[in-house]
Amino acid sequence: MKESQILKKRQLLRNNEYYTMQDVFDRLYERSCKNFKFRNLMQYILDENNILLAFRNIKNNKGSTTVGTDNVDISHYMKMETDKLVSYFKHELTNYVPRSVKRVVIPKANGKTRPLGIPCMKDRIIQQCIKQVLEPICEAKFHQHSYGFRPNRSTNHAIARCMQLMNKGQLHYVVDIDIKGFFDNVNHAKLKKQLWNMGIQDKNLISIIGKILKSEIEGQGIPTKGVPQGGIISPLLSNVVLNELDWWISSQWETYDTKHNYSCLHKYRAMKSTNLKEIWLVRYADDFKIFCRDYKIAQRIYKATKQWLKERLDLDISEEKSKITNVRKKRTEFLGFVLKVEKRETNTSVKAICVIRQKNIQSIKSKVKSK
């Protein structure tokens, strides 16, 4: 992990402890692990320390000077006295009406563009208040091999897991599933139901999240589906949507419930003598790979995942970008890296190779030159 990332995580922890919220978050996590039903989360969201913590986190964010459709940045709220600031956001949360979202389009490496939705500063602070309380509850429910936009996880962990599966696991057939326009096609009703099933059963909070999802987009009107990229709470909500997929794939092998209580090693050894299909998932946001033992299994899980996404989450896949790759013969790309398997020079065994993608190398060179 980069030193800057480590320092940022330490600062977030210090902020939590300074505002005495870390103990609250830890209790929420522990209760969620025990499948507690949270029916009064607004008491934590409206807590003075939670609001001040959210304000501090947003203030330290790089985007704090970016304005929304109301043309207001963080400096407007920095001028307010602490008591007035807290009272203002308590009132806004109690009678929440989000303002319109600013539409920004940024270029992608492949020449296409990615639409972002930038909420107003008021709405960003409110979303941060909600995220801080929801995150520990959701973290207790998330799958261990989901690495995107989560505390203490990064692309490094996702790539390391891929390398482990290819090297130690000798799993060389990789299923790539590309969800077509994932962030723009999330079903709002399904998402709220998923939050409810996670134990987030505060109706006032669910109503506020519903309003956030239906925030008017500048020049486009009120959306009927999708989670706008650019919102503070959007990455967390996207993980909630795909968490169901994580556990479904995991249930096919990794977390399959056997009749006997085996140790981890003996469990998988016993399962290999059955008709079960060995598959392992590595996911980073909406980008994920499924590692398989052979091509036949890879074909079956490709078709099953495509069908499951359509039937359960009403999401389509891109047939052009989705594929099955034998990494002993071809390479596969993931999170800006190229993954492949090559023969060792000293013997007949193979080893996994991970190198930076050529496009990313050019980008790195350009950034170094500009510095």
Protein backbone atom coordinates (compact mmCIF):
# COMPACT_ATOMS: atom_id res chain seq x y z
CA MET A 1 0.00 0.00 0.00
CA LYS A 2 1.29 3.49 -0.87
CA GLU A 3 2.58 5.63 2.00
CA SER A 4 0.03 8.35 1.13
CA GLN A 5 -2.80 5.79 1.46
CA ILE A 6 -1.48 4.60 4.83
CA LEU A 7 -1.25 8.19 6.13
CA LYS A 8 -4.80 8.89 4.90
CA LYS A 9 -6.19 5.82 6.70
CA ARG A 10 -4.38 6.79 9.89
CA GLN A 11 -5.82 10.29 9.66
CA LEU A 12 -9.36 8.91 9.21
CA LEU A 13 -8.92 6.74 12.30
CA ARG A 14 -7.60 9.70 14.32
CA ASN A 15 -10.61 11.75 13.20
CA ASN A 16 -12.99 8.95 14.30
CA GLU A 17 -11.32 8.76 17.69
CA TYR A 18 -11.16 12.54 18.11
CA TYR A 19 -14.92 12.81 17.69
CA THR A 20 -15.45 9.66 19.85
CA MET A 21 -17.24 7.87 16.99
CA GLN A 22 -14.93 4.87 16.59
CA ASP A 23 -16.54 3.01 19.51
CA VAL A 24 -19.97 3.63 17.97
CA PHE A 25 -18.83 2.27 14.60
CA ASP A 26 -17.27 -0.77 16.28
CA ARG A 27 -20.54 -1.54 18.10
CA LEU A 28 -22.52 -1.23 14.88
CA TYR A 29 -20.12 -3.66 13.20
CA GLU A 30 -20.37 -6.18 16.06
CA ARG A 31 -24.19 -6.03 16.07
CA SER A 32 -24.29 -6.44 12.30
CA CYS A 33 -22.11 -9.55 12.61
CA LYS A 34 -24.84 -10.96 14.86
CA ASN A 35 -27.59 -10.09 12.32
CA PHE A 36 -29.05 -7.29 14.43
CA LYS A 37 -31.96 -5.36 12.85
CA PHE A 38 -31.21 -1.62 12.93
CA ARG A 39 -34.47 0.30 13.15
CA ASN A 40 -33.23 3.63 14.58
CA LEU A 41 -30.02 4.55 12.76
CA MET A 42 -31.01 8.20 12.43
CA GLN A 43 -29.99 8.75 16.07
CA TYR A 44 -26.36 8.01 15.07
CA ILE A 45 -26.55 9.97 11.80
CA LEU A 46 -27.97 13.04 13.58
CA ASP A 47 -25.40 12.83 16.38
CA GLU A 48 -23.40 16.05 16.73
CA ASN A 49 -20.06 14.23 16.64
CA ASN A 50 -21.03 12.29 13.52
CA ILE A 51 -21.96 15.53 11.72
CA LEU A 52 -18.70 17.22 12.77
CA LEU A 53 -16.72 14.14 11.72
CA ALA A 54 -18.43 14.14 8.31
CA PHE A 55 -17.68 17.84 7.88
CA ARG A 56 -14.02 17.31 8.74
CA ASN A 57 -13.67 14.35 6.36
CA ILE A 58 -15.24 16.29 3.49
CA LYS A 59 -13.17 19.39 4.31
CA ASN A 60 -9.96 17.32 4.00
CA ASN A 61 -11.15 15.77 0.73
CA LYS A 62 -9.54 16.91 -2.54
CA GLY A 63 -12.98 17.69 -3.96
CA SER A 64 -13.90 20.14 -1.19
CA THR A 65 -13.31 23.09 -3.53
CA THR A 66 -15.47 21.60 -6.30
CA VAL A 67 -18.85 23.33 -6.48
CA GLY A 68 -22.21 21.79 -7.37
CA THR A 69 -25.22 23.32 -9.10
CA ASP A 70 -25.60 25.83 -6.22
CA ASN A 71 -22.05 27.16 -6.84
CA VAL A 72 -21.09 26.65 -3.16
CA ASP A 73 -17.89 25.00 -1.90
CA ILE A 74 -16.71 24.00 1.60
CA SER A 75 -15.59 27.56 2.48
CA HIS A 76 -19.26 28.58 2.79
CA TYR A 77 -19.76 26.15 5.70
CA MET A 78 -16.34 26.79 7.27
CA LYS A 79 -17.51 30.31 8.10
CA MET A 80 -20.39 28.96 10.22
CA GLU A 81 -20.07 28.55 14.00
CA THR A 82 -19.98 24.94 15.21
CA ASP A 83 -23.42 25.06 16.90
CA LYS A 84 -25.06 26.65 13.85
CA LEU A 85 -23.37 24.16 11.52
CA VAL A 86 -24.67 21.18 13.52
CA SER A 87 -28.19 22.67 13.82
CA TYR A 88 -28.27 23.40 10.09
CA PHE A 89 -27.44 19.81 9.05
CA LYS A 90 -29.77 18.30 11.67
CA HIS A 91 -32.58 20.37 10.20
CA GLU A 92 -31.62 19.46 6.62
CA LEU A 93 -31.53 15.74 7.48
CA THR A 94 -34.88 15.90 9.29
CA ASN A 95 -36.57 17.51 6.28
CA TYR A 96 -34.26 16.28 3.55
CA VAL A 97 -34.70 17.57 0.01
CA PRO A 98 -31.60 17.03 -2.16
CA ARG A 99 -30.58 19.62 -4.70
CA SER A 100 -29.90 18.80 -8.34
CA VAL A 101 -26.72 16.93 -9.28
CA LYS A 102 -24.14 18.60 -11.53
CA ARG A 103 -23.39 16.56 -14.67
CA VAL A 104 -19.67 16.35 -15.53
CA VAL A 105 -18.19 14.25 -18.33
CA ILE A 106 -14.57 13.04 -18.07
CA PRO A 107 -12.56 11.30 -20.81
CA LYS A 108 -11.64 7.60 -20.52
CA ALA A 109 -8.40 5.97 -21.69
CA ASN A 110 -10.22 4.23 -24.59
CA GLY A 111 -11.42 7.54 -26.03
CA LYS A 112 -14.95 7.28 -24.63
CA THR A 113 -16.35 9.39 -21.80
CA ARG A 114 -17.59 8.66 -18.29
CA PRO A 115 -20.53 10.71 -16.91
CA LEU A 116 -20.16 11.84 -13.29
CA GLY A 117 -22.80 13.30 -11.00
CA ILE A 118 -21.40 15.87 -8.57
CA PRO A 119 -23.81 16.63 -5.68
CA CYS A 120 -23.90 20.04 -3.99
CA MET A 121 -21.62 20.49 -0.97
CA LYS A 122 -24.58 20.27 1.43
CA ASP A 123 -25.63 16.93 -0.03
CA ARG A 124 -22.03 15.63 0.02
CA ILE A 125 -21.75 16.31 3.75
CA ILE A 126 -25.14 14.65 4.36
CA GLN A 127 -24.10 11.62 2.31
CA GLN A 128 -20.89 11.41 4.35
CA CYS A 129 -22.95 11.45 7.58
CA ILE A 130 -24.97 8.50 6.27
CA LYS A 131 -21.98 6.62 4.85
CA GLN A 132 -20.09 6.73 8.16
CA VAL A 133 -22.94 4.93 9.92
CA LEU A 134 -23.83 2.50 7.13
CA GLU A 135 -20.27 1.42 6.33
CA PRO A 136 -19.55 -0.64 9.49
CA ILE A 137 -22.94 -2.37 9.17
CA CYS A 138 -22.35 -3.25 5.52
CA GLU A 139 -18.71 -4.24 6.12
CA ALA A 140 -19.90 -7.03 8.41
CA LYS A 141 -21.98 -8.44 5.54
CA PHE A 142 -19.58 -7.95 2.62
CA HIS A 143 -17.62 -10.84 1.10
CA GLN A 144 -13.91 -11.04 1.94
CA HIS A 145 -12.86 -11.11 -1.74
CA SER A 146 -14.53 -7.82 -2.66
CA TYR A 147 -11.78 -5.18 -2.64
CA GLY A 148 -13.13 -1.99 -4.22
CA PHE A 149 -13.91 1.16 -2.22
CA ARG A 150 -13.68 -0.53 1.17
CA PRO A 151 -11.68 0.37 4.30
CA ASN A 152 -8.20 -1.20 4.48
CA ARG A 153 -8.50 -2.71 0.98
CA SER A 154 -7.02 -1.68 -2.35
CA THR A 155 -6.15 -2.78 -5.87
CA ASN A 156 -2.96 -4.29 -4.41
CA HIS A 157 -5.00 -6.81 -2.43
CA ALA A 158 -7.13 -7.73 -5.45
CA ILE A 159 -4.07 -8.31 -7.67
CA ALA A 160 -2.33 -10.29 -4.90
CA ARG A 161 -5.39 -12.54 -4.62
CA CYS A 162 -5.38 -13.13 -8.40
CA MET A 163 -1.69 -14.04 -8.28
CA GLN A 164 -2.33 -16.47 -5.42
CA LEU A 165 -5.13 -18.24 -7.32
CA MET A 166 -2.98 -18.56 -10.45
CA ASN A 167 0.23 -19.57 -8.67
CA LYS A 168 -0.77 -21.62 -5.65
CA GLY A 169 -4.26 -22.62 -6.84
CA GLN A 170 -3.17 -23.39 -10.42
CA LEU A 171 -6.47 -21.93 -11.67
CA HIS A 172 -5.69 -20.78 -15.20
CA TYR A 173 -9.15 -20.27 -16.78
CA VAL A 174 -10.48 -16.79 -16.09
CA VAL A 175 -14.06 -15.64 -16.69
CA ASP A 176 -14.33 -11.89 -17.33
CA ILE A 177 -17.82 -10.45 -16.97
CA ASP A 178 -18.33 -6.83 -18.01
CA ILE A 179 -21.63 -5.39 -16.75
CA LYS A 180 -23.09 -3.02 -19.32
CA GLY A 181 -23.43 0.48 -17.82
CA PHE A 182 -23.56 -0.84 -14.25
CA PHE A 183 -23.79 2.49 -12.39
CA ASP A 184 -26.50 3.76 -14.76
CA ASN A 185 -28.71 0.67 -14.51
CA VAL A 186 -28.97 -0.15 -10.80
CA ASN A 187 -32.57 -0.92 -9.84
CA HIS A 188 -33.59 1.45 -7.02
CA ALA A 189 -36.28 -0.81 -5.51
CA LYS A 190 -33.93 -3.81 -5.52
CA LEU A 191 -31.14 -1.78 -3.87
CA LYS A 192 -33.44 -0.60 -1.05
CA LYS A 193 -34.59 -4.18 -0.52
CA GLN A 194 -30.97 -5.34 -0.32
CA LEU A 195 -30.24 -2.69 2.34
CA TRP A 196 -33.31 -3.87 4.27
CA ASN A 197 -32.14 -7.49 4.11
CA MET A 198 -28.73 -6.43 5.46
CA GLY A 199 -30.52 -5.25 8.61
CA ILE A 200 -30.78 -1.55 7.71
CA GLN A 201 -34.48 -1.27 8.56
CA ASP A 202 -34.79 2.38 9.55
CA LYS A 203 -37.64 3.59 7.30
CA ASN A 204 -36.64 7.26 7.62
CA LEU A 205 -33.10 6.44 6.47
CA ILE A 206 -34.32 4.26 3.59
CA SER A 207 -36.54 7.16 2.51
CA ILE A 208 -33.56 9.57 2.53
CA ILE A 209 -31.49 7.12 0.46
CA GLY A 210 -34.39 6.87 -1.97
CA LYS A 211 -34.36 10.67 -2.34
CA ILE A 212 -30.60 10.62 -2.95
CA LEU A 213 -31.04 8.03 -5.69
CA LYS A 214 -33.74 10.15 -7.35
CA SER A 215 -31.85 13.45 -7.14
CA GLU A 216 -32.50 15.45 -10.30
CA ILE A 217 -29.58 15.37 -12.75
CA GLU A 218 -28.77 18.74 -14.33
CA GLY A 219 -30.17 18.84 -17.85
CA GLN A 220 -31.57 15.29 -17.70
CA GLY A 221 -34.32 15.28 -15.10
CA ILE A 222 -35.10 12.76 -12.36
CA PRO A 223 -33.53 9.30 -12.92
CA THR A 224 -35.64 6.14 -12.66
CA LYS A 225 -32.61 3.89 -12.10
CA GLY A 226 -28.86 4.04 -11.51
CA VAL A 227 -26.42 5.30 -8.88
CA PRO A 228 -24.64 8.50 -9.95
CA GLN A 229 -20.84 8.13 -10.08
CA GLY A 230 -19.34 10.99 -8.12
CA GLY A 231 -21.56 10.81 -5.05
CA ILE A 232 -19.99 10.13 -1.64
CA ILE A 233 -22.31 7.22 -0.88
CA SER A 234 -22.37 5.73 -4.42
CA PRO A 235 -19.37 3.33 -4.05
CA LEU A 236 -20.88 1.85 -0.88
CA LEU A 237 -24.29 1.39 -2.53
CA SER A 238 -22.68 -0.25 -5.59
CA ASN A 239 -20.99 -2.78 -3.28
CA VAL A 240 -24.36 -3.46 -1.63
CA VAL A 241 -25.87 -4.23 -5.05
CA LEU A 242 -23.14 -6.70 -6.06
CA ASN A 243 -22.69 -8.26 -2.61
CA GLU A 244 -25.49 -10.68 -3.44
CA LEU A 245 -23.53 -11.79 -6.53
CA ASP A 246 -20.38 -12.30 -4.42
CA TRP A 247 -22.12 -14.66 -2.02
CA TRP A 248 -23.93 -16.53 -4.79
CA ILE A 249 -20.66 -17.32 -6.59
CA SER A 250 -18.97 -18.09 -3.27
CA SER A 251 -21.75 -20.52 -2.31
CA GLN A 252 -20.93 -22.68 -5.34
CA TRP A 253 -17.56 -23.66 -3.83
CA GLU A 254 -15.73 -21.43 -1.33
CA THR A 255 -18.52 -21.15 1.26
CA TYR A 256 -20.48 -24.26 0.19
CA ASP A 257 -22.26 -25.72 3.21
CA THR A 258 -21.10 -29.34 3.56
CA LYS A 259 -22.87 -31.99 5.65
CA HIS A 260 -19.77 -32.64 7.76
CA ASN A 261 -17.71 -30.08 9.67
CA TYR A 262 -14.31 -30.20 7.96
CA SER A 263 -11.29 -28.03 8.49
CA CYS A 264 -10.77 -25.66 5.54
CA LEU A 265 -8.09 -27.85 3.88
CA HIS A 266 -9.98 -31.12 4.31
CA LYS A 267 -13.26 -29.53 3.20
CA TYR A 268 -11.96 -28.59 -0.26
CA ARG A 269 -10.16 -31.92 -0.59
CA ALA A 270 -13.45 -33.75 0.08
CA MET A 271 -15.38 -31.46 -2.29
CA LYS A 272 -13.02 -32.24 -5.18
CA SER A 273 -14.35 -35.81 -5.21
CA THR A 274 -17.90 -34.52 -5.86
CA ASN A 275 -19.57 -32.94 -8.91
CA LEU A 276 -19.17 -29.43 -7.46
CA LYS A 277 -17.37 -26.89 -9.65
CA GLU A 278 -14.30 -25.19 -8.20
CA ILE A 279 -14.63 -21.44 -8.79
CA TRP A 280 -13.17 -18.42 -6.96
CA LEU A 281 -14.20 -14.77 -7.21
CA VAL A 282 -12.08 -11.60 -7.10
CA ARG A 283 -14.10 -8.36 -7.38
CA TYR A 284 -13.18 -4.68 -7.41
CA ALA A 285 -16.36 -2.55 -7.69
CA ASP A 286 -18.12 -3.63 -10.92
CA ASP A 287 -14.92 -5.19 -12.32
CA PHE A 288 -14.58 -8.87 -11.41
CA LYS A 289 -12.97 -12.15 -12.42
CA ILE A 290 -13.95 -15.75 -11.72
CA PHE A 291 -11.06 -18.25 -11.64
CA CYS A 292 -11.83 -21.81 -12.76
CA ARG A 293 -10.07 -25.17 -13.02
CA ASP A 294 -10.91 -25.93 -16.68
CA TYR A 295 -12.66 -24.53 -19.76
CA LYS A 296 -15.86 -26.57 -19.33
CA ILE A 297 -16.42 -25.17 -15.83
CA ALA A 298 -15.60 -21.67 -17.08
CA GLN A 299 -18.24 -21.96 -19.82
CA ARG A 300 -20.91 -23.07 -17.37
CA ILE A 301 -20.21 -20.32 -14.83
CA TYR A 302 -20.11 -17.70 -17.63
CA LYS A 303 -23.61 -18.63 -18.76
CA ALA A 304 -24.91 -19.02 -15.19
CA THR A 305 -23.54 -15.61 -14.09
CA LYS A 306 -25.00 -13.89 -17.15
CA GLN A 307 -28.42 -15.40 -16.41
CA TRP A 308 -28.21 -14.66 -12.67
CA LEU A 309 -27.34 -10.99 -13.24
CA LYS A 310 -30.30 -10.58 -15.57
CA GLU A 311 -32.85 -12.42 -13.45
CA ARG A 312 -31.79 -11.22 -9.99
CA LEU A 313 -30.39 -7.71 -10.58
CA ASP A 314 -31.87 -6.88 -14.00
CA LEU A 315 -28.36 -6.15 -15.35
CA ASP A 316 -27.08 -7.02 -18.83
CA ILE A 317 -23.50 -7.91 -19.72
CA SER A 318 -21.41 -6.68 -22.64
CA GLU A 319 -20.89 -9.70 -24.90
CA GLU A 320 -17.97 -7.96 -26.65
CA LYS A 321 -16.01 -7.33 -23.43
CA SER A 322 -17.01 -10.49 -21.54
CA LYS A 323 -14.93 -13.57 -22.31
CA ILE A 324 -13.12 -16.68 -21.06
CA THR A 325 -9.30 -16.59 -21.09
CA ASN A 326 -6.76 -19.38 -20.68
CA VAL A 327 -3.93 -17.37 -19.07
CA ARG A 328 -1.38 -20.01 -20.09
CA LYS A 329 -1.99 -19.00 -23.72
CA LYS A 330 -3.35 -15.45 -23.57
CA ARG A 331 -3.16 -12.58 -21.14
CA THR A 332 -5.99 -10.95 -19.23
CA GLU A 333 -6.24 -7.37 -17.93
CA PHE A 334 -7.42 -6.31 -14.48
CA LEU A 335 -7.25 -2.93 -12.73
CA GLY A 336 -4.55 -1.56 -15.03
CA PHE A 337 -2.38 -4.70 -14.86
CA VAL A 338 -1.75 -7.55 -17.30
CA LEU A 339 -1.96 -11.07 -15.81
CA LYS A 340 -0.59 -14.21 -17.48
CA VAL A 341 1.10 -17.54 -16.72
CA GLU A 342 4.49 -18.52 -18.16
CA LYS A 343 6.75 -21.54 -17.92
CA ARG A 344 9.71 -21.29 -15.57
CA GLU A 345 13.15 -21.37 -17.16
CA THR A 346 14.56 -23.87 -14.66
CA ASN A 347 11.83 -26.56 -14.80
CA THR A 348 8.50 -27.51 -16.37
CA SER A 349 6.34 -25.75 -13.78
CA VAL A 350 4.61 -22.42 -14.42
CA LYS A 351 4.47 -19.06 -12.63
CA ALA A 352 2.06 -16.15 -12.70
CA ILE A 353 3.29 -12.85 -14.13
CA CYS A 354 1.86 -9.41 -13.36
CA VAL A 355 2.98 -6.29 -15.26
CA ILE A 356 1.57 -2.79 -15.70
CA ARG A 357 -0.59 -2.37 -18.79
CA GLN A 358 1.11 -0.48 -21.63
CA LYS A 359 -1.49 2.30 -21.63
CA ASN A 360 -0.92 2.85 -17.93
CA ILE A 361 2.86 2.98 -18.43
CA GLN A 362 2.38 5.81 -20.94
CA SER A 363 0.12 7.60 -18.45
CA ILE A 364 2.70 7.22 -15.67
CA LYS A 365 5.46 8.57 -17.94
CA SER A 366 3.32 11.59 -18.85
CA LYS A 367 2.62 12.34 -15.15
CA VAL A 368 6.33 12.04 -14.25
CA LYS A 369 7.28 14.38 -17.11
CA SER A 370 4.68 16.95 -16.03
CA LYS A 371 6.08 16.89 -12.49
